C-alpha atoms as a PDB file:
ATOM      1  CA  MET A   1     -65.264 107.153  15.837  1.00  0.00           C
ATOM      2  CA  PHE A   2     -62.755 109.287  17.708  1.00  0.00           C
ATOM      3  CA  LYS A   3     -62.710 107.030  20.739  1.00  0.00           C
ATOM      4  CA  ARG A   4     -62.201 103.898  18.597  1.00  0.00           C
ATOM      5  CA  ILE A   5     -59.033 105.786  16.983  1.00  0.00           C
ATOM      6  CA  ILE A   6     -57.766 106.572  20.338  1.00  0.00           C
ATOM      7  CA  ALA A   7     -58.214 102.951  21.706  1.00  0.00           C
ATOM      8  CA  THR A   8     -56.671 101.628  18.574  1.00  0.00           C
ATOM      9  CA  LEU A   9     -53.916 103.837  19.251  1.00  0.00           C
ATOM     10  CA  ILE A  10     -53.366 102.937  22.943  1.00  0.00           C
ATOM     11  CA  LEU A  11     -53.519  99.387  21.974  1.00  0.00           C
ATOM     12  CA  THR A  12     -50.755  99.806  19.279  1.00  0.00           C
ATOM     13  CA  SER A  13     -48.672 101.741  21.352  1.00  0.00           C
ATOM     14  CA  SER A  14     -48.744  98.856  24.086  1.00  0.00           C
ATOM     15  CA  LEU A  15     -47.650  96.341  21.614  1.00  0.00           C
ATOM     16  CA  VAL A  16     -44.853  98.501  20.593  1.00  0.00           C
ATOM     17  CA  LEU A  17     -43.859  98.899  24.281  1.00  0.00           C
ATOM     18  CA  LEU A  18     -44.184  95.385  24.942  1.00  0.00           C
ATOM     19  CA  VAL A  19     -42.279  94.469  21.860  1.00  0.00           C
ATOM     20  CA  ALA A  20     -39.560  97.159  22.700  1.00  0.00           C
ATOM     21  CA  CYS A  21     -39.479  96.114  26.658  1.00  0.00           C
ATOM     22  CA  GLY A  22     -39.012  92.259  25.588  1.00  0.00           C
ATOM     23  CA  PRO A  23     -35.503  90.733  25.515  1.00  0.00           C
ATOM     24  CA  SER A  24     -33.392  91.197  22.468  1.00  0.00           C
ATOM     25  CA  GLN A  25     -32.517  88.401  20.042  1.00  0.00           C
ATOM     26  CA  ALA A  26     -28.760  88.203  21.034  1.00  0.00           C
ATOM     27  CA  ASP A  27     -30.368  87.826  24.593  1.00  0.00           C
ATOM     28  CA  LEU A  28     -32.308  85.017  23.445  1.00  0.00           C
ATOM     29  CA  ASP A  29     -29.577  83.348  21.510  1.00  0.00           C
ATOM     30  CA  GLY A  30     -27.227  83.618  24.563  1.00  0.00           C
ATOM     31  CA  THR A  31     -30.227  82.300  26.929  1.00  0.00           C
ATOM     32  CA  ALA A  32     -30.693  79.257  24.382  1.00  0.00           C
ATOM     33  CA  THR A  33     -26.889  78.488  24.379  1.00  0.00           C
ATOM     34  CA  LYS A  34     -26.374  78.654  28.139  1.00  0.00           C
ATOM     35  CA  GLU A  35     -29.330  76.159  28.438  1.00  0.00           C
ATOM     36  CA  MET A  36     -27.906  73.898  26.218  1.00  0.00           C
ATOM     37  CA  ALA A  37     -24.758  73.704  27.837  1.00  0.00           C
ATOM     38  CA  ASN A  38     -26.357  73.251  31.261  1.00  0.00           C
ATOM     39  CA  GLU A  39     -28.379  70.161  29.818  1.00  0.00           C
ATOM     40  CA  PHE A  40     -25.291  68.721  28.112  1.00  0.00           C
ATOM     41  CA  ALA A  41     -23.154  69.043  31.416  1.00  0.00           C
ATOM     42  CA  LYS A  42     -26.231  67.435  33.052  1.00  0.00           C
ATOM     43  CA  GLN A  43     -26.393  64.528  30.980  1.00  0.00           C
ATOM     44  CA  THR A  44     -22.798  64.107  30.896  1.00  0.00           C
ATOM     45  CA  ALA A  45     -22.971  63.968  34.944  1.00  0.00           C
ATOM     46  CA  GLU A  46     -25.780  61.513  34.807  1.00  0.00           C
ATOM     47  CA  ALA A  47     -24.264  59.164  31.998  1.00  0.00           C
ATOM     48  CA  PRO A  48     -22.631  56.266  33.590  1.00  0.00           C
ATOM     49  CA  THR A  49     -18.804  55.644  33.146  1.00  0.00           C
ATOM     50  CA  ASN A  50     -17.517  52.726  31.781  1.00  0.00           C
ATOM     51  CA  THR A  51     -16.161  50.608  34.713  1.00  0.00           C
ATOM     52  CA  PRO A  52     -12.807  48.999  33.677  1.00  0.00           C
ATOM     53  CA  VAL A  53     -12.699  45.397  33.264  1.00  0.00           C
ATOM     54  CA  PRO A  54     -10.282  44.119  35.612  1.00  0.00           C
ATOM     55  CA  THR A  55      -7.439  42.145  33.519  1.00  0.00           C
ATOM     56  CA  GLN A  56      -6.172  38.824  35.071  1.00  0.00           C
ATOM     57  CA  THR A  57      -2.925  38.972  36.907  1.00  0.00           C
ATOM     58  CA  PRO A  58      -0.928  36.158  35.391  1.00  0.00           C
ATOM     59  CA  VAL A  59       0.163  33.581  38.313  1.00  0.00           C
ATOM     60  CA  PRO A  60       3.823  33.646  38.871  1.00  0.00           C
ATOM     61  CA  THR A  61       5.190  30.378  38.016  1.00  0.00           C
ATOM     62  CA  ASP A  62       7.988  28.520  40.217  1.00  0.00           C
ATOM     63  CA  THR A  63      11.446  28.991  38.968  1.00  0.00           C
ATOM     64  CA  PRO A  64      12.772  25.560  38.364  1.00  0.00           C
ATOM     65  CA  VAL A  65      15.610  25.014  40.446  1.00  0.00           C
ATOM     66  CA  PRO A  66      18.866  24.191  38.530  1.00  0.00           C
ATOM     67  CA  THR A  67      19.966  20.565  38.568  1.00  0.00           C
ATOM     68  CA  GLN A  68      23.356  19.796  39.093  1.00  0.00           C
ATOM     69  CA  THR A  69      24.778  18.536  35.855  1.00  0.00           C
ATOM     70  CA  PRO A  70      27.164  15.506  36.538  1.00  0.00           C
ATOM     71  CA  THR A  71      30.647  15.687  35.990  1.00  0.00           C
ATOM     72  CA  PRO A  72      31.455  13.324  33.216  1.00  0.00           C
ATOM     73  CA  THR A  73      33.893  10.832  34.150  1.00  0.00           C
ATOM     74  CA  ALA A  74      36.707   9.222  32.115  1.00  0.00           C
ATOM     75  CA  SER A  75      35.653   6.001  30.162  1.00  0.00           C
ATOM     76  CA  PRO A  76      38.362   3.201  30.644  1.00  0.00           C
ATOM     77  CA  THR A  77      40.407   2.740  27.428  1.00  0.00           C
ATOM     78  CA  PRO A  78      39.506  -0.388  25.969  1.00  0.00           C
ATOM     79  CA  THR A  79      42.108  -2.978  25.649  1.00  0.00           C
ATOM     80  CA  ILE A  80      42.917  -4.441  22.258  1.00  0.00           C
ATOM     81  CA  THR A  81      43.466  -8.184  22.501  1.00  0.00           C
ATOM     82  CA  ASN A  82      45.770  -9.222  20.129  1.00  0.00           C
ATOM     83  CA  THR A  83      43.979 -12.435  18.625  1.00  0.00           C
ATOM     84  CA  PRO A  84      46.328 -14.545  16.469  1.00  0.00           C
ATOM     85  CA  PRO A  85      45.678 -15.068  13.253  1.00  0.00           C
ATOM     86  CA  PRO A  86      44.348 -18.436  12.264  1.00  0.00           C
ATOM     87  CA  THR A  87      46.849 -21.024  11.445  1.00  0.00           C
ATOM     88  CA  ASP A  88      46.286 -22.858   8.036  1.00  0.00           C
ATOM     89  CA  THR A  89      45.269 -26.457   8.763  1.00  0.00           C
ATOM     90  CA  PRO A  90      48.458 -28.488   7.790  1.00  0.00           C
ATOM     91  CA  GLU A  91      48.252 -30.651   4.679  1.00  0.00           C
ATOM     92  CA  PRO A  92      48.671 -34.155   5.401  1.00  0.00           C
ATOM     93  CA  THR A  93      52.191 -35.421   4.770  1.00  0.00           C
ATOM     94  CA  ILE A  94      52.521 -37.400   1.552  1.00  0.00           C
ATOM     95  CA  PRO A  95      55.107 -40.096   1.862  1.00  0.00           C
ATOM     96  CA  PRO A  96      57.656 -40.032  -1.050  1.00  0.00           C
ATOM     97  CA  GLU A  97      57.153 -43.783  -1.761  1.00  0.00           C
ATOM     98  CA  PRO A  98      54.199 -45.787  -2.734  1.00  0.00           C
ATOM     99  CA  THR A  99      52.046 -46.244   0.393  1.00  0.00           C
ATOM    100  CA  ILE A 100      48.633 -47.550   1.269  1.00  0.00           C
ATOM    101  CA  GLY A 101      46.571 -45.991   3.990  1.00  0.00           C
ATOM    102  CA  PRO A 102      44.162 -47.908   6.599  1.00  0.00           C
ATOM    103  CA  ILE A 103      41.686 -50.150   5.565  1.00  0.00           C
ATOM    104  CA  LEU A 104      38.155 -49.951   5.838  1.00  0.00           C
ATOM    105  CA  PHE A 105      35.635 -52.660   5.293  1.00  0.00           C
ATOM    106  CA  ILE A 106      32.064 -52.126   3.431  1.00  0.00           C
ATOM    107  CA  THR A 107      29.344 -54.342   1.919  1.00  0.00           C
ATOM    108  CA  ASP A 108      26.871 -53.934  -0.808  1.00  0.00           C
ATOM    109  CA  ASP A 109      24.580 -53.226   1.548  1.00  0.00           C
ATOM    110  CA  SER A 110      25.993 -50.271   3.391  1.00  0.00           C
ATOM    111  CA  ASN A 111      28.649 -47.794   2.656  1.00  0.00           C
ATOM    112  CA  GLU A 112      29.378 -47.342   6.362  1.00  0.00           C
ATOM    113  CA  PRO A 113      32.601 -48.722   7.128  1.00  0.00           C
ATOM    114  CA  THR A 114      32.559 -51.383  10.025  1.00  0.00           C
ATOM    115  CA  ASP A 115      34.294 -54.526  11.630  1.00  0.00           C
ATOM    116  CA  GLN A 116      31.398 -56.371  12.481  1.00  0.00           C
ATOM    117  CA  PHE A 117      28.973 -57.955   9.817  1.00  0.00           C
ATOM    118  CA  PRO A 118      26.100 -60.387  10.214  1.00  0.00           C
ATOM    119  CA  LEU A 119      25.958 -63.845   8.887  1.00  0.00           C
ATOM    120  CA  GLY A 120      24.620 -64.301   5.191  1.00  0.00           C
ATOM    121  CA  ILE A 121      26.735 -61.791   3.671  1.00  0.00           C
ATOM    122  CA  THR A 122      28.414 -62.850   0.196  1.00  0.00           C
ATOM    123  CA  VAL A 123      31.096 -60.313  -0.226  1.00  0.00           C
ATOM    124  CA  VAL A 124      33.318 -57.820   1.613  1.00  0.00           C
ATOM    125  CA  TYR A 125      35.018 -54.653   0.256  1.00  0.00           C
ATOM    126  CA  ALA A 126      38.176 -53.452   1.527  1.00  0.00           C
ATOM    127  CA  CYS A 127      38.996 -49.829   0.429  1.00  0.00           C
ATOM    128  CA  PHE A 128      42.003 -47.740   1.220  1.00  0.00           C
ATOM    129  CA  GLU A 129      43.605 -44.634   0.073  1.00  0.00           C
ATOM    130  CA  TYR A 130      47.081 -44.893  -1.778  1.00  0.00           C
ATOM    131  CA  TRP A 131      49.876 -42.390  -2.760  1.00  0.00           C
ATOM    132  CA  ASN A 132      52.678 -42.307  -5.157  1.00  0.00           C
ATOM    133  CA  MET A 133      51.624 -45.260  -7.229  1.00  0.00           C
ATOM    134  CA  ASN A 134      52.624 -46.241 -10.453  1.00  0.00           C
ATOM    135  CA  PRO A 135      51.837 -49.164 -12.839  1.00  0.00           C
ATOM    136  CA  GLU A 136      55.228 -50.863 -12.094  1.00  0.00           C
ATOM    137  CA  VAL A 137      54.604 -51.367  -8.555  1.00  0.00           C
ATOM    138  CA  ARG A 138      53.602 -54.684  -7.419  1.00  0.00           C
ATOM    139  CA  ILE A 139      50.731 -55.023  -4.660  1.00  0.00           C
ATOM    140  CA  THR A 140      49.926 -58.322  -3.230  1.00  0.00           C
ATOM    141  CA  GLY A 141      46.871 -59.312  -0.800  1.00  0.00           C
ATOM    142  CA  TYR A 142      46.606 -61.975   1.435  1.00  0.00           C
ATOM    143  CA  TRP A 143      43.151 -63.006   3.011  1.00  0.00           C
ATOM    144  CA  TYR A 144      43.009 -64.855   6.090  1.00  0.00           C
ATOM    145  CA  LEU A 145      39.921 -66.672   7.885  1.00  0.00           C
ATOM    146  CA  ASN A 146      40.692 -67.395  11.676  1.00  0.00           C
ATOM    147  CA  GLY A 147      44.469 -67.356  11.241  1.00  0.00           C
ATOM    148  CA  LYS A 148      44.504 -69.304   7.967  1.00  0.00           C
ATOM    149  CA  GLU A 149      45.448 -67.980   4.635  1.00  0.00           C
ATOM    150  CA  ILE A 150      42.631 -68.724   2.137  1.00  0.00           C
ATOM    151  CA  TYR A 151      43.212 -66.447  -0.488  1.00  0.00           C
ATOM    152  CA  SER A 152      45.822 -64.307  -2.081  1.00  0.00           C
ATOM    153  CA  VAL A 153      46.349 -61.959  -5.446  1.00  0.00           C
ATOM    154  CA  SER A 154      49.510 -60.500  -6.379  1.00  0.00           C
ATOM    155  CA  ASP A 155      49.789 -58.443  -9.226  1.00  0.00           C
ATOM    156  CA  THR A 156      50.869 -55.100 -10.896  1.00  0.00           C
ATOM    157  CA  THR A 157      47.987 -52.599 -10.777  1.00  0.00           C
ATOM    158  CA  ASP A 158      46.936 -49.688 -13.058  1.00  0.00           C
ATOM    159  CA  LEU A 159      46.552 -47.516  -9.792  1.00  0.00           C
ATOM    160  CA  VAL A 160      48.509 -44.204 -10.573  1.00  0.00           C
ATOM    161  CA  GLY A 161      49.288 -41.259  -8.144  1.00  0.00           C
ATOM    162  CA  ASN A 162      47.090 -40.652  -5.118  1.00  0.00           C
ATOM    163  CA  ASP A 163      43.462 -41.728  -4.828  1.00  0.00           C
ATOM    164  CA  ILE A 164      41.260 -44.415  -3.002  1.00  0.00           C
ATOM    165  CA  THR A 165      40.241 -47.864  -4.332  1.00  0.00           C
ATOM    166  CA  CYS A 166      38.642 -50.955  -3.094  1.00  0.00           C
ATOM    167  CA  THR A 167      39.105 -54.733  -3.539  1.00  0.00           C
ATOM    168  CA  GLY A 168      36.828 -57.562  -2.693  1.00  0.00           C
ATOM    169  CA  ILE A 169      36.534 -60.949  -1.227  1.00  0.00           C
ATOM    170  CA  SER A 170      34.045 -63.385  -2.240  1.00  0.00           C
ATOM    171  CA  TYR A 171      33.657 -67.003  -3.330  1.00  0.00           C
ATOM    172  CA  ALA A 172      33.863 -67.643  -6.872  1.00  0.00           C
ATOM    173  CA  GLY A 173      31.650 -70.104  -8.988  1.00  0.00           C
ATOM    174  CA  THR A 174      28.187 -70.335 -10.651  1.00  0.00           C
ATOM    175  CA  GLN A 175      26.272 -70.481  -7.273  1.00  0.00           C
ATOM    176  CA  ILE A 176      26.165 -67.683  -4.869  1.00  0.00           C
ATOM    177  CA  ARG A 177      27.809 -68.561  -1.766  1.00  0.00           C
ATOM    178  CA  LYS A 178      27.860 -66.750   1.705  1.00  0.00           C
ATOM    179  CA  LEU A 179      31.146 -65.920   3.287  1.00  0.00           C
ATOM    180  CA  ASP A 180      32.159 -68.244   6.272  1.00  0.00           C
ATOM    181  CA  ALA A 181      31.640 -66.791   9.855  1.00  0.00           C
ATOM    182  CA  GLY A 182      34.587 -65.893  11.667  1.00  0.00           C
ATOM    183  CA  ASN A 183      37.520 -63.585  12.198  1.00  0.00           C
ATOM    184  CA  TRP A 184      38.829 -62.231   8.712  1.00  0.00           C
ATOM    185  CA  GLU A 185      42.231 -60.434   7.925  1.00  0.00           C
ATOM    186  CA  LEU A 186      43.500 -58.696   5.233  1.00  0.00           C
ATOM    187  CA  LYS A 187      47.285 -57.928   4.784  1.00  0.00           C
ATOM    188  CA  MET A 188      48.357 -55.709   1.995  1.00  0.00           C
ATOM    189  CA  TYR A 189      52.110 -55.722   0.767  1.00  0.00           C
ATOM    190  CA  VAL A 190      53.689 -53.063  -1.686  1.00  0.00           C
ATOM    191  CA  GLU A 191      56.612 -55.151  -3.506  1.00  0.00           C
ATOM    192  CA  LYS A 192      57.611 -57.173  -0.501  1.00  0.00           C
ATOM    193  CA  GLU A 193      56.863 -54.745   2.116  1.00  0.00           C
ATOM    194  CA  LEU A 194      53.920 -55.161   4.473  1.00  0.00           C
ATOM    195  CA  ALA A 195      52.088 -51.730   3.956  1.00  0.00           C
ATOM    196  CA  GLN A 196      48.847 -52.409   5.956  1.00  0.00           C
ATOM    197  CA  THR A 197      46.695 -54.998   7.637  1.00  0.00           C
ATOM    198  CA  GLY A 198      42.673 -54.880   8.512  1.00  0.00           C
ATOM    199  CA  LYS A 199      40.266 -57.111  10.486  1.00  0.00           C
ATOM    200  CA  PHE A 200      36.878 -57.697  10.366  1.00  0.00           C
ATOM    201  CA  LYS A 201      34.223 -60.489  11.777  1.00  0.00           C
ATOM    202  CA  ILE A 202      31.295 -62.207  10.208  1.00  0.00           C
ATOM    203  CA  GLY A 203      28.558 -63.214  12.785  1.00  0.00           C
ATOM    204  CA  ASN A 204      28.932 -63.332  16.773  1.00  0.00           C
END
């Protein structure tokens, strides 16, 4: 019994001695902190560093060579041409006395003036302008065929002022008669003065 108590005391003393001889808590904490620092340093050393991505260097562009600005030349001053103003068409001179203009011949079939008519026509009209006419003026017309007078008429007229009128030649009678072929002529007189002459032909 006594031996067992001694042995127990020896074992207890050994445990106390082991506890007393071990590192202190501060030492243990310092050791742990140092080991963590070493581990962090190791991991930091072993961790790969990010390789910087190279950026693209812009290619220098060619500087444009300045072009020579053309020197402006003076434009010639336009010359102004003085265009004469249009002149008014002169009005026909109207004679102061009663007058007859040129005689134009037409038929019932055509209003186109002509001096050549075919065979078979029955009437020819003589048309003319007149100026300064009044009812007191006497007009006389003489019709000739191949140089021979075949008809004449003389009378005062109802023509007044300035206008155009027509007078015709045809054979009177109940039956229509064709005008004779040949060279025809009309002479118009105002009072006793020859005012105008016109000619035409019937047939070839």
